[in-house]
N, C-alpha and C. Protein backbone atom coordinates (compact mmCIF):
# COMPACT_ATOMS: atom_id res chain seq x y z
N MET A 1 130.37 -38.11 -18.09
CA MET A 1 129.50 -38.18 -17.09
C MET A 1 128.92 -39.62 -16.88
N GLN A 2 128.98 -39.87 -15.54
CA GLN A 2 128.61 -41.07 -14.90
C GLN A 2 127.63 -41.21 -14.00
N THR A 3 126.63 -42.23 -14.24
CA THR A 3 125.46 -42.18 -13.42
C THR A 3 125.44 -43.58 -12.52
N LYS A 4 125.54 -43.51 -11.19
CA LYS A 4 125.55 -44.75 -10.60
C LYS A 4 123.98 -45.27 -9.99
N ARG A 5 123.94 -46.50 -10.28
CA ARG A 5 122.66 -47.24 -10.17
C ARG A 5 122.82 -47.47 -8.53
N VAL A 6 121.58 -47.02 -7.86
CA VAL A 6 121.22 -47.21 -6.72
C VAL A 6 119.82 -47.78 -6.60
N PRO A 7 119.55 -49.01 -5.90
CA PRO A 7 118.47 -49.64 -5.60
C PRO A 7 117.16 -48.76 -5.48
N LEU A 8 116.16 -49.10 -6.31
CA LEU A 8 114.98 -48.15 -6.33
C LEU A 8 114.12 -48.65 -5.15
N LEU A 9 113.49 -47.79 -4.44
CA LEU A 9 112.51 -48.30 -3.38
C LEU A 9 111.12 -47.87 -3.70
N VAL A 10 110.44 -48.94 -3.91
CA VAL A 10 108.81 -48.83 -3.87
C VAL A 10 107.97 -48.40 -2.63
N LEU A 11 107.53 -47.50 -2.41
CA LEU A 11 107.09 -47.11 -1.20
C LEU A 11 105.73 -47.37 -0.94
N GLY A 12 104.90 -47.59 -2.08
CA GLY A 12 103.54 -47.71 -2.13
C GLY A 12 102.84 -47.87 -3.09
N ILE A 13 101.52 -48.89 -3.13
CA ILE A 13 100.85 -49.30 -4.45
C ILE A 13 99.30 -48.82 -4.06
N ALA A 14 98.64 -48.25 -4.69
CA ALA A 14 97.30 -47.77 -4.02
C ALA A 14 96.29 -48.00 -5.32
N ALA A 15 95.27 -48.20 -5.03
CA ALA A 15 93.84 -47.98 -6.15
C ALA A 15 93.69 -46.53 -5.91
N VAL A 16 93.43 -46.00 -6.86
CA VAL A 16 93.10 -44.47 -7.08
C VAL A 16 91.75 -44.05 -7.27
N ILE A 17 90.91 -44.81 -7.36
CA ILE A 17 89.44 -44.70 -7.73
C ILE A 17 88.92 -44.10 -6.73
N GLY A 18 88.55 -42.77 -6.60
CA GLY A 18 87.86 -42.11 -5.42
C GLY A 18 86.36 -42.01 -5.25
N VAL A 19 85.92 -41.56 -4.08
CA VAL A 19 84.46 -41.57 -3.99
C VAL A 19 83.85 -40.68 -5.24
N SER A 20 84.26 -39.80 -5.40
CA SER A 20 83.68 -39.08 -6.58
C SER A 20 83.70 -39.51 -7.93
N GLY A 21 84.86 -40.21 -8.12
CA GLY A 21 84.79 -40.89 -9.31
C GLY A 21 83.60 -42.16 -9.53
N LEU A 22 83.39 -42.65 -8.27
CA LEU A 22 82.18 -43.63 -8.40
C LEU A 22 80.91 -43.18 -8.49
N THR A 23 80.79 -41.97 -8.05
CA THR A 23 79.52 -41.13 -7.88
C THR A 23 79.24 -40.79 -9.49
N ALA A 24 80.42 -40.46 -10.08
CA ALA A 24 80.13 -39.94 -11.45
C ALA A 24 79.97 -41.18 -12.36
N TRP A 25 80.49 -42.10 -11.92
CA TRP A 25 80.25 -43.50 -12.80
C TRP A 25 78.65 -43.89 -12.57
N LEU A 26 78.22 -43.73 -11.36
CA LEU A 26 76.68 -44.09 -11.22
C LEU A 26 75.88 -43.20 -11.82
N VAL A 27 76.08 -41.98 -11.62
CA VAL A 27 75.13 -41.08 -12.30
C VAL A 27 75.16 -41.05 -14.09
N ALA A 28 76.46 -41.17 -14.42
CA ALA A 28 76.64 -41.37 -15.81
C ALA A 28 76.20 -42.68 -16.52
N LEU A 29 76.18 -43.62 -15.70
CA LEU A 29 75.84 -44.95 -16.34
C LEU A 29 74.32 -44.94 -16.32
N TRP A 30 73.78 -44.67 -15.13
CA TRP A 30 72.51 -45.05 -14.69
C TRP A 30 71.38 -44.21 -15.44
N TRP A 31 71.66 -42.93 -15.44
CA TRP A 31 70.80 -41.93 -15.87
C TRP A 31 70.96 -41.23 -17.08
N SER A 32 70.07 -41.47 -17.93
CA SER A 32 70.13 -40.33 -19.36
C SER A 32 69.95 -38.78 -19.10
N PRO A 33 70.67 -38.09 -19.82
CA PRO A 33 70.70 -36.65 -19.47
C PRO A 33 69.36 -36.03 -19.42
N GLY A 34 68.62 -35.36 -18.39
CA GLY A 34 67.38 -34.95 -18.20
C GLY A 34 66.43 -35.68 -18.13
N ALA A 35 66.41 -37.08 -17.86
CA ALA A 35 65.49 -38.05 -17.75
C ALA A 35 65.41 -38.10 -16.12
N VAL A 36 64.09 -38.71 -16.18
CA VAL A 36 63.32 -38.75 -14.79
C VAL A 36 63.34 -40.29 -14.47
N THR A 37 63.78 -41.26 -15.38
CA THR A 37 63.94 -42.55 -15.18
C THR A 37 65.18 -43.35 -15.49
N PRO A 38 65.75 -44.22 -14.85
CA PRO A 38 67.12 -44.58 -15.19
C PRO A 38 66.91 -44.99 -16.79
N ALA A 39 68.10 -45.14 -17.23
CA ALA A 39 68.62 -45.40 -18.74
C ALA A 39 68.20 -46.94 -18.93
N PRO A 40 67.59 -47.37 -19.90
CA PRO A 40 67.56 -48.80 -20.25
C PRO A 40 69.02 -49.43 -20.28
N LEU A 41 68.92 -50.59 -20.04
CA LEU A 41 70.00 -51.52 -19.74
C LEU A 41 69.99 -52.07 -21.27
N ASN A 42 70.69 -51.51 -22.27
CA ASN A 42 71.03 -52.09 -23.38
C ASN A 42 72.35 -51.75 -23.97
N THR A 43 72.80 -52.28 -25.09
CA THR A 43 74.17 -52.39 -25.54
C THR A 43 74.66 -50.84 -25.87
N ALA A 44 73.64 -50.18 -26.65
CA ALA A 44 74.11 -48.64 -26.98
C ALA A 44 74.21 -47.70 -25.54
N THR A 45 73.33 -47.87 -24.86
CA THR A 45 73.22 -47.27 -23.67
C THR A 45 74.46 -47.43 -22.69
N ILE A 46 74.80 -48.60 -22.42
CA ILE A 46 76.02 -48.96 -21.83
C ILE A 46 77.20 -48.30 -22.54
N LEU A 47 77.28 -48.69 -23.78
CA LEU A 47 78.72 -48.14 -24.39
C LEU A 47 78.79 -46.72 -24.55
N GLN A 48 77.85 -46.00 -24.57
CA GLN A 48 77.61 -44.60 -24.36
C GLN A 48 78.25 -44.00 -22.84
N ARG A 49 77.69 -44.80 -21.88
CA ARG A 49 78.04 -44.29 -20.55
C ARG A 49 79.40 -44.76 -20.22
N VAL A 50 79.85 -45.81 -20.61
CA VAL A 50 81.27 -46.01 -20.32
C VAL A 50 82.05 -45.17 -20.94
N GLN A 51 82.04 -45.03 -22.57
CA GLN A 51 82.94 -44.06 -22.97
C GLN A 51 82.98 -42.80 -22.41
N ALA A 52 82.05 -42.26 -21.75
CA ALA A 52 81.77 -40.76 -21.15
C ALA A 52 82.77 -40.73 -20.19
N LEU A 53 83.29 -42.04 -19.57
CA LEU A 53 84.09 -42.12 -18.37
C LEU A 53 85.64 -41.84 -18.76
N SER A 54 85.90 -41.88 -20.14
CA SER A 54 87.21 -41.59 -20.61
C SER A 54 88.12 -42.51 -19.94
N GLN A 55 89.13 -41.87 -19.04
CA GLN A 55 90.17 -42.50 -18.70
C GLN A 55 90.05 -42.98 -17.39
N LEU A 56 90.13 -44.46 -16.95
CA LEU A 56 89.74 -45.14 -15.59
C LEU A 56 91.10 -45.44 -15.07
N VAL A 57 91.75 -44.35 -14.20
CA VAL A 57 92.97 -44.67 -13.63
C VAL A 57 92.51 -45.47 -12.24
N THR A 58 93.46 -46.65 -12.28
CA THR A 58 92.89 -47.72 -11.14
C THR A 58 94.25 -47.68 -10.16
N VAL A 59 95.33 -47.62 -10.66
CA VAL A 59 96.69 -47.85 -9.94
C VAL A 59 97.50 -46.53 -9.69
N LYS A 60 98.17 -46.46 -8.58
CA LYS A 60 99.21 -45.45 -8.79
C LYS A 60 100.27 -46.14 -7.78
N TYR A 61 101.61 -46.27 -8.31
CA TYR A 61 102.87 -46.56 -7.80
C TYR A 61 103.71 -45.34 -7.29
N VAL A 62 104.06 -45.53 -5.99
CA VAL A 62 104.89 -44.40 -5.41
C VAL A 62 106.32 -44.95 -5.18
N LEU A 63 107.22 -44.33 -5.71
CA LEU A 63 108.60 -44.75 -5.67
C LEU A 63 109.45 -43.79 -5.32
N GLU A 64 110.82 -44.39 -5.01
CA GLU A 64 111.95 -43.14 -4.60
C GLU A 64 113.36 -43.89 -5.09
N LYS A 65 114.06 -43.02 -5.66
CA LYS A 65 115.41 -43.53 -6.12
C LYS A 65 116.21 -42.54 -5.90
N THR A 66 117.68 -43.06 -5.37
CA THR A 66 118.55 -42.03 -5.11
C THR A 66 119.55 -41.91 -6.28
N VAL A 67 119.97 -40.94 -6.78
CA VAL A 67 120.76 -40.99 -8.01
C VAL A 67 122.04 -40.06 -7.95
N VAL A 68 123.09 -40.80 -8.01
CA VAL A 68 124.57 -40.23 -7.96
C VAL A 68 125.00 -40.04 -9.30
N LEU A 69 125.27 -38.87 -9.51
CA LEU A 69 125.76 -38.31 -10.82
C LEU A 69 127.07 -37.62 -10.83
N ASP A 70 128.25 -38.56 -11.28
CA ASP A 70 129.78 -37.84 -11.30
C ASP A 70 129.79 -37.21 -12.72
N ASP A 71 130.72 -36.06 -12.56
CA ASP A 71 131.02 -35.43 -13.94
C ASP A 71 132.43 -35.14 -13.87
N PRO A 72 133.39 -35.96 -14.19
CA PRO A 72 134.80 -35.44 -14.21
C PRO A 72 135.28 -34.89 -15.37
N LYS A 73 136.15 -33.81 -15.25
CA LYS A 73 136.56 -33.28 -16.53
C LYS A 73 138.24 -33.30 -16.43
N TYR A 74 138.71 -33.21 -17.74
CA TYR A 74 140.19 -33.32 -17.85
C TYR A 74 140.50 -32.44 -18.80
N LEU A 75 141.76 -31.92 -18.53
CA LEU A 75 142.24 -30.81 -19.51
C LEU A 75 143.08 -31.74 -20.75
N GLY A 76 142.91 -31.59 -21.95
CA GLY A 76 143.59 -32.47 -22.84
C GLY A 76 143.41 -33.94 -22.43
N GLY A 77 142.57 -34.37 -21.86
CA GLY A 77 142.30 -35.69 -21.58
C GLY A 77 143.29 -36.20 -20.64
N LEU A 78 144.08 -35.49 -19.95
CA LEU A 78 145.18 -35.85 -19.31
C LEU A 78 145.08 -35.14 -17.67
N ILE A 79 145.02 -33.79 -17.77
CA ILE A 79 145.24 -33.16 -16.48
C ILE A 79 143.61 -33.00 -15.88
N PRO A 80 143.54 -33.46 -14.57
CA PRO A 80 142.17 -33.58 -13.97
C PRO A 80 141.89 -32.06 -13.50
N LEU A 81 140.49 -31.55 -14.15
CA LEU A 81 139.95 -30.21 -13.43
C LEU A 81 139.19 -30.56 -12.44
N GLY A 82 138.85 -31.42 -11.94
CA GLY A 82 138.01 -31.73 -10.47
C GLY A 82 136.72 -32.39 -11.20
N GLU A 83 135.82 -32.72 -10.17
CA GLU A 83 134.84 -33.52 -10.33
C GLU A 83 133.39 -32.91 -9.73
N ASN A 84 132.53 -32.72 -10.74
CA ASN A 84 131.40 -32.14 -10.12
C ASN A 84 130.32 -33.42 -9.80
N ARG A 85 129.95 -33.46 -8.63
CA ARG A 85 129.04 -34.55 -8.37
C ARG A 85 127.83 -34.27 -7.47
N LEU A 86 126.64 -34.82 -7.69
CA LEU A 86 125.32 -34.50 -7.62
C LEU A 86 124.84 -35.90 -6.70
N ILE A 87 124.08 -35.68 -5.57
CA ILE A 87 123.18 -36.65 -5.19
C ILE A 87 121.75 -36.25 -4.83
N LEU A 88 120.96 -36.99 -5.64
CA LEU A 88 119.44 -36.53 -5.70
C LEU A 88 118.63 -37.46 -5.12
N LEU A 89 117.86 -37.33 -4.40
CA LEU A 89 116.57 -38.17 -3.79
C LEU A 89 115.34 -37.65 -4.52
N ALA A 90 114.98 -38.88 -5.42
CA ALA A 90 113.86 -38.34 -6.42
C ALA A 90 112.64 -39.41 -5.75
N HIS A 91 111.47 -38.57 -5.79
CA HIS A 91 110.37 -39.45 -5.13
C HIS A 91 109.33 -39.14 -6.53
N GLY A 92 108.78 -40.24 -6.78
CA GLY A 92 108.00 -40.10 -8.26
C GLY A 92 106.77 -40.94 -7.94
N GLU A 93 105.86 -40.61 -8.74
CA GLU A 93 104.34 -41.50 -8.83
C GLU A 93 104.18 -41.89 -10.39
N VAL A 94 103.76 -42.90 -10.35
CA VAL A 94 103.24 -43.46 -11.93
C VAL A 94 102.01 -44.13 -11.76
N LYS A 95 101.13 -43.67 -12.57
CA LYS A 95 99.67 -43.87 -12.60
C LYS A 95 99.41 -44.94 -13.89
N ALA A 96 98.32 -45.61 -13.61
CA ALA A 96 97.96 -46.54 -14.94
C ALA A 96 96.56 -46.77 -14.86
N GLY A 97 96.27 -46.94 -16.06
CA GLY A 97 94.50 -46.93 -16.38
C GLY A 97 94.14 -47.48 -17.56
N VAL A 98 92.72 -47.64 -17.85
CA VAL A 98 92.37 -48.12 -18.83
C VAL A 98 91.87 -46.83 -19.80
N ASP A 99 91.96 -46.64 -20.93
CA ASP A 99 91.09 -45.56 -21.93
C ASP A 99 89.67 -46.26 -22.11
N LEU A 100 88.69 -45.82 -21.33
CA LEU A 100 87.41 -46.28 -21.75
C LEU A 100 86.70 -45.83 -23.08
N SER A 101 87.41 -44.57 -23.48
CA SER A 101 86.84 -43.77 -24.71
C SER A 101 87.12 -44.82 -25.85
N LYS A 102 87.94 -45.75 -25.77
CA LYS A 102 88.36 -46.49 -26.95
C LYS A 102 87.54 -47.72 -27.15
N LEU A 103 86.45 -48.09 -26.26
CA LEU A 103 85.67 -48.93 -26.53
C LEU A 103 84.64 -48.74 -27.87
N GLN A 104 84.27 -50.07 -28.39
CA GLN A 104 83.81 -49.77 -29.67
C GLN A 104 82.36 -50.75 -29.45
N PRO A 105 81.42 -50.59 -30.37
CA PRO A 105 80.05 -51.27 -30.19
C PRO A 105 80.35 -52.77 -30.04
N GLY A 106 81.32 -53.46 -30.97
CA GLY A 106 81.66 -54.93 -30.65
C GLY A 106 82.07 -55.08 -29.47
N ASP A 107 82.46 -54.09 -28.64
CA ASP A 107 83.31 -54.61 -27.30
C ASP A 107 81.91 -54.77 -25.99
N VAL A 108 81.13 -54.64 -26.32
CA VAL A 108 79.75 -54.47 -25.40
C VAL A 108 78.44 -55.27 -26.09
N SER A 109 78.37 -56.26 -25.16
CA SER A 109 77.09 -57.16 -25.50
C SER A 109 76.17 -57.31 -24.31
N VAL A 110 75.02 -56.72 -24.50
CA VAL A 110 73.97 -56.80 -23.61
C VAL A 110 72.61 -57.55 -23.92
N SER A 111 72.34 -58.52 -23.16
CA SER A 111 71.25 -59.52 -23.44
C SER A 111 70.36 -59.49 -22.28
N GLY A 112 69.10 -58.90 -21.95
CA GLY A 112 68.55 -58.82 -20.81
C GLY A 112 69.35 -58.47 -19.68
N ARG A 113 69.42 -59.53 -18.79
CA ARG A 113 70.12 -58.99 -17.49
C ARG A 113 71.71 -59.71 -17.54
N ARG A 114 72.29 -59.96 -18.75
CA ARG A 114 73.53 -60.49 -19.02
C ARG A 114 74.14 -59.43 -19.74
N ILE A 115 75.78 -59.35 -19.51
CA ILE A 115 76.38 -58.40 -20.11
C ILE A 115 77.94 -58.78 -20.20
N ALA A 116 78.36 -58.67 -21.34
CA ALA A 116 79.80 -58.93 -21.48
C ALA A 116 80.65 -57.88 -22.12
N LEU A 117 81.58 -57.49 -21.66
CA LEU A 117 82.45 -56.34 -22.16
C LEU A 117 83.78 -56.51 -22.23
N THR A 118 84.47 -56.06 -23.32
CA THR A 118 85.91 -56.33 -23.38
C THR A 118 86.71 -55.10 -23.30
N LEU A 119 87.75 -55.01 -22.46
CA LEU A 119 88.38 -53.61 -22.44
C LEU A 119 89.74 -53.81 -23.11
N SER A 120 90.17 -52.47 -23.22
CA SER A 120 91.89 -52.35 -23.94
C SER A 120 92.70 -52.77 -22.51
N ARG A 121 93.73 -53.21 -22.76
CA ARG A 121 94.75 -53.07 -21.62
C ARG A 121 94.97 -52.07 -21.00
N ALA A 122 95.29 -51.86 -19.85
CA ALA A 122 95.69 -50.64 -19.24
C ALA A 122 97.22 -50.32 -19.68
N VAL A 123 97.56 -48.93 -19.40
CA VAL A 123 98.98 -48.32 -19.84
C VAL A 123 99.12 -47.38 -18.86
N MET A 124 100.34 -46.88 -18.86
CA MET A 124 100.67 -45.87 -18.02
C MET A 124 100.27 -44.61 -18.39
N THR A 125 99.51 -43.78 -17.60
CA THR A 125 98.94 -42.64 -17.92
C THR A 125 99.78 -41.40 -17.62
N ASP A 126 100.22 -41.44 -16.47
CA ASP A 126 101.22 -40.39 -16.03
C ASP A 126 102.29 -40.81 -15.21
N ALA A 127 103.40 -40.12 -15.31
CA ALA A 127 104.75 -40.53 -14.36
C ALA A 127 105.50 -38.85 -14.12
N TYR A 128 105.57 -38.73 -12.91
CA TYR A 128 106.16 -37.50 -12.53
C TYR A 128 107.09 -37.38 -11.06
N LEU A 129 107.83 -36.44 -11.03
CA LEU A 129 108.57 -36.33 -9.72
C LEU A 129 107.47 -35.27 -8.89
N VAL A 130 107.64 -35.79 -7.47
CA VAL A 130 106.79 -35.09 -6.53
C VAL A 130 107.83 -33.86 -6.10
N GLU A 131 107.78 -32.93 -6.42
CA GLU A 131 108.71 -31.71 -6.02
C GLU A 131 109.02 -31.55 -4.48
N GLN A 132 107.79 -31.61 -3.77
CA GLN A 132 107.99 -31.38 -2.24
C GLN A 132 108.64 -32.82 -1.65
N HIS A 133 108.91 -33.48 -2.45
CA HIS A 133 109.57 -34.83 -1.72
C HIS A 133 110.97 -35.01 -2.38
N THR A 134 111.15 -34.42 -3.44
CA THR A 134 112.52 -34.64 -4.16
C THR A 134 113.32 -33.46 -3.97
N ARG A 135 114.47 -34.09 -3.73
CA ARG A 135 115.54 -32.83 -3.18
C ARG A 135 117.11 -33.32 -3.48
N VAL A 136 117.97 -32.14 -3.52
CA VAL A 136 119.51 -32.68 -3.70
C VAL A 136 119.86 -32.86 -2.40
N LEU A 137 120.68 -34.20 -2.12
CA LEU A 137 121.01 -34.48 -0.74
C LEU A 137 122.55 -33.90 -0.70
N ASP A 138 123.26 -33.80 -1.67
CA ASP A 138 124.65 -33.23 -1.72
C ASP A 138 125.02 -32.78 -3.01
N TRP A 139 125.99 -31.88 -3.18
CA TRP A 139 126.22 -31.08 -4.34
C TRP A 139 127.87 -30.90 -4.06
N LYS A 140 128.65 -31.39 -4.96
CA LYS A 140 129.81 -30.79 -4.81
C LYS A 140 130.70 -30.30 -6.29
N THR A 141 131.08 -29.37 -6.46
CA THR A 141 131.91 -28.61 -7.47
C THR A 141 133.34 -28.64 -7.36
N GLY A 142 133.87 -29.36 -8.40
CA GLY A 142 135.43 -29.62 -8.54
C GLY A 142 136.20 -28.20 -8.33
N LEU A 143 137.19 -28.31 -7.76
CA LEU A 143 138.07 -27.13 -7.73
C LEU A 143 138.27 -26.06 -8.78
N PHE A 144 138.51 -26.58 -10.13
CA PHE A 144 138.56 -25.84 -11.26
C PHE A 144 137.68 -25.79 -12.11
N ARG A 145 136.30 -26.29 -11.54
CA ARG A 145 135.27 -26.32 -12.30
C ARG A 145 134.06 -25.23 -11.98
N SER A 146 133.42 -24.95 -12.86
CA SER A 146 132.25 -23.98 -12.55
C SER A 146 131.02 -24.66 -12.08
N PHE A 147 130.02 -23.90 -11.36
CA PHE A 147 128.56 -24.72 -11.22
C PHE A 147 127.88 -24.97 -12.56
N ASP A 148 127.35 -26.23 -12.67
CA ASP A 148 126.67 -27.02 -13.62
C ASP A 148 125.03 -26.88 -13.37
N LYS A 149 124.47 -25.95 -13.66
CA LYS A 149 123.03 -26.02 -13.37
C LYS A 149 122.30 -27.11 -14.06
N GLU A 150 122.83 -27.57 -15.12
CA GLU A 150 122.17 -28.85 -15.99
C GLU A 150 122.42 -29.99 -15.24
N LEU A 151 123.32 -30.20 -14.34
CA LEU A 151 123.49 -31.50 -13.58
C LEU A 151 122.20 -32.19 -12.87
N GLU A 152 121.67 -31.15 -12.39
CA GLU A 152 120.42 -31.80 -11.48
C GLU A 152 119.51 -32.03 -12.33
N GLN A 153 119.15 -31.47 -13.64
CA GLN A 153 118.06 -31.60 -14.55
C GLN A 153 118.27 -33.24 -15.05
N THR A 154 119.70 -33.23 -15.29
CA THR A 154 120.21 -34.51 -16.06
C THR A 154 119.74 -35.69 -14.77
N ALA A 155 120.09 -35.27 -13.83
CA ALA A 155 119.63 -36.33 -12.65
C ALA A 155 118.08 -36.62 -12.37
N ARG A 156 117.26 -35.42 -12.65
CA ARG A 156 115.68 -35.79 -12.51
C ARG A 156 115.37 -36.44 -13.64
N ARG A 157 115.82 -36.32 -14.82
CA ARG A 157 115.32 -37.00 -16.03
C ARG A 157 115.68 -38.39 -15.92
N TYR A 158 116.88 -38.87 -15.73
CA TYR A 158 117.48 -39.93 -15.23
C TYR A 158 116.63 -40.85 -14.11
N ALA A 159 116.35 -40.18 -13.10
CA ALA A 159 115.39 -40.84 -12.11
C ALA A 159 114.12 -41.06 -12.52
N LEU A 160 113.34 -40.11 -13.32
CA LEU A 160 112.10 -40.32 -13.91
C LEU A 160 112.08 -41.56 -14.89
N SER A 161 112.76 -41.45 -15.55
CA SER A 161 113.27 -42.72 -16.60
C SER A 161 113.22 -43.96 -15.77
N GLU A 162 114.05 -43.99 -14.68
CA GLU A 162 114.16 -45.13 -13.98
C GLU A 162 113.04 -45.55 -13.11
N ILE A 163 112.28 -44.62 -12.72
CA ILE A 163 111.14 -44.75 -11.70
C ILE A 163 110.09 -45.67 -12.70
N THR A 164 109.90 -44.74 -14.11
CA THR A 164 108.79 -45.34 -14.91
C THR A 164 109.28 -46.84 -15.48
N ARG A 165 110.49 -47.21 -15.54
CA ARG A 165 110.85 -48.47 -16.14
C ARG A 165 110.73 -49.33 -14.84
N ALA A 166 110.97 -49.04 -13.63
CA ALA A 166 110.67 -49.99 -12.63
C ALA A 166 109.01 -50.20 -12.28
N ALA A 167 108.38 -49.08 -12.61
CA ALA A 167 107.09 -49.29 -12.60
C ALA A 167 106.29 -50.22 -13.53
N ARG A 168 106.89 -50.32 -14.70
CA ARG A 168 106.45 -51.07 -15.90
C ARG A 168 107.09 -52.59 -15.44
N GLN A 169 108.19 -52.56 -14.92
CA GLN A 169 108.71 -54.02 -14.66
C GLN A 169 108.02 -54.83 -13.62
N SER A 170 107.53 -54.03 -12.55
CA SER A 170 106.92 -54.40 -11.38
C SER A 170 105.54 -54.79 -11.73
N GLY A 171 104.99 -54.42 -13.13
CA GLY A 171 103.78 -54.93 -13.20
C GLY A 171 102.70 -53.99 -13.30
N ILE A 172 102.90 -52.82 -13.22
CA ILE A 172 101.58 -51.74 -12.97
C ILE A 172 100.81 -51.70 -14.00
N GLU A 173 101.00 -51.90 -15.33
CA GLU A 173 100.06 -52.07 -16.22
C GLU A 173 98.87 -53.42 -16.29
N GLU A 174 99.61 -54.34 -15.73
CA GLU A 174 98.98 -55.79 -15.51
C GLU A 174 98.00 -55.65 -14.21
N GLU A 175 98.54 -54.86 -13.14
CA GLU A 175 97.67 -54.76 -12.07
C GLU A 175 96.54 -53.65 -12.31
N ALA A 176 96.96 -52.76 -13.11
CA ALA A 176 95.72 -51.89 -13.46
C ALA A 176 94.60 -52.20 -14.46
N THR A 177 95.15 -53.16 -15.46
CA THR A 177 94.11 -54.14 -15.93
C THR A 177 93.14 -54.77 -15.28
N GLU A 178 93.83 -55.59 -14.36
CA GLU A 178 92.77 -56.63 -13.58
C GLU A 178 92.00 -55.60 -12.46
N ARG A 179 92.77 -54.46 -11.85
CA ARG A 179 91.78 -53.81 -10.97
C ARG A 179 90.57 -53.14 -11.72
N ALA A 180 90.75 -52.81 -12.95
CA ALA A 180 89.76 -52.15 -13.94
C ALA A 180 88.81 -53.22 -14.10
N ARG A 181 89.03 -54.44 -14.36
CA ARG A 181 88.21 -55.17 -14.86
C ARG A 181 87.01 -55.67 -13.57
N GLN A 182 87.83 -55.73 -12.32
CA GLN A 182 87.22 -56.02 -11.12
C GLN A 182 86.19 -54.99 -10.66
N GLN A 183 86.61 -53.66 -10.98
CA GLN A 183 85.73 -52.44 -10.56
C GLN A 183 84.42 -52.27 -11.57
N LEU A 184 84.70 -52.49 -12.93
CA LEU A 184 83.64 -52.44 -13.74
C LEU A 184 82.84 -53.55 -13.43
N ALA A 185 83.16 -54.83 -13.25
CA ALA A 185 82.11 -55.99 -12.90
C ALA A 185 81.36 -55.55 -11.91
N ASP A 186 82.14 -54.95 -10.60
CA ASP A 186 81.29 -54.98 -9.40
C ASP A 186 80.28 -53.76 -9.90
N PHE A 187 80.40 -52.77 -10.38
CA PHE A 187 79.77 -51.51 -10.70
C PHE A 187 78.37 -52.24 -11.58
N LEU A 188 78.67 -52.98 -12.71
CA LEU A 188 77.84 -53.57 -13.53
C LEU A 188 76.89 -54.44 -12.72
N THR A 189 77.48 -55.26 -11.68
CA THR A 189 76.72 -56.11 -11.00
C THR A 189 75.76 -55.40 -10.15
N ALA A 190 76.19 -54.18 -9.23
CA ALA A 190 75.33 -53.32 -8.62
C ALA A 190 74.10 -52.74 -9.47
N PHE A 191 74.40 -52.48 -10.80
CA PHE A 191 73.36 -51.76 -11.50
C PHE A 191 72.25 -53.07 -12.08
N GLY A 192 72.38 -54.27 -11.59
CA GLY A 192 71.22 -55.20 -11.72
C GLY A 192 71.41 -56.35 -12.84
N PHE A 193 72.65 -56.17 -13.47
CA PHE A 193 72.95 -57.28 -14.41
C PHE A 193 73.10 -58.50 -13.52
N GLU A 194 72.51 -59.64 -13.81
CA GLU A 194 72.79 -61.04 -13.37
C GLU A 194 73.92 -61.70 -13.48
N SER A 195 74.25 -61.51 -14.58
CA SER A 195 75.55 -62.19 -15.17
C SER A 195 76.60 -60.93 -15.93
N VAL A 196 77.68 -61.18 -15.37
CA VAL A 196 78.68 -60.03 -15.75
C VAL A 196 79.99 -60.70 -15.95
N GLU A 197 80.56 -60.38 -17.45
CA GLU A 197 81.82 -60.89 -17.84
C GLU A 197 82.67 -59.70 -18.40
N VAL A 198 83.78 -59.39 -17.71
CA VAL A 198 84.53 -58.26 -18.09
C VAL A 198 85.83 -58.88 -18.49
N ARG A 199 86.17 -58.95 -19.83
CA ARG A 199 87.46 -59.21 -20.26
C ARG A 199 88.48 -58.29 -20.54
N SER A 200 89.77 -58.50 -20.85
CA SER A 200 90.59 -57.55 -21.31
C SER A 200 91.30 -58.25 -22.67
N ARG A 201 91.82 -57.35 -23.64
CA ARG A 201 92.25 -57.81 -24.60
C ARG A 201 93.60 -58.29 -24.48
N SER A 202 93.99 -59.30 -25.26
CA SER A 202 95.60 -59.94 -25.05
C SER A 202 96.49 -58.91 -25.27
N LYS A 203 96.28 -57.98 -26.30
CA LYS A 203 97.04 -57.10 -26.77
C LYS A 203 96.60 -55.69 -26.70
């Protein structure tokens, strides 16, 4: 079976923090459960509220790849039985973000209106093919061959692996790390911190 490499097309890159996510952040970070006054700005409170956000997904890549899959067969290695051939247009999405639940007490330091926060680096959190935009462009069954239902699944698996690889090589994790740092710095500044430092671990 042979898979022909076709250039992968990056359709778009987008930040995926929505308004509802920002609202949840504001409520979770600033207010204690059942309280009528804002939660105090101390290390324990900030750590608890940030951890509660769990996965902060900050970047989504949208990519397309055309996969050409050839599967020739021979009887006894000599007599050709025909070639099954599939062309698949795969539309994929890859997301990356920071797992805020992994924050430890040593990662957050609050002193008055100053805060320093160290994040783990972003990782890819999800990768999938979008079914409504993924389709078979062409399918050929060899003259002495039977229909191979596994050929499309093989093409799909290959396309998804190539889309994931391309997203990583294009720097999706690095971009998600930087966006997370910027977003958290902006949010913490909005809550009244006069000095905000958000770092990311080197590894």
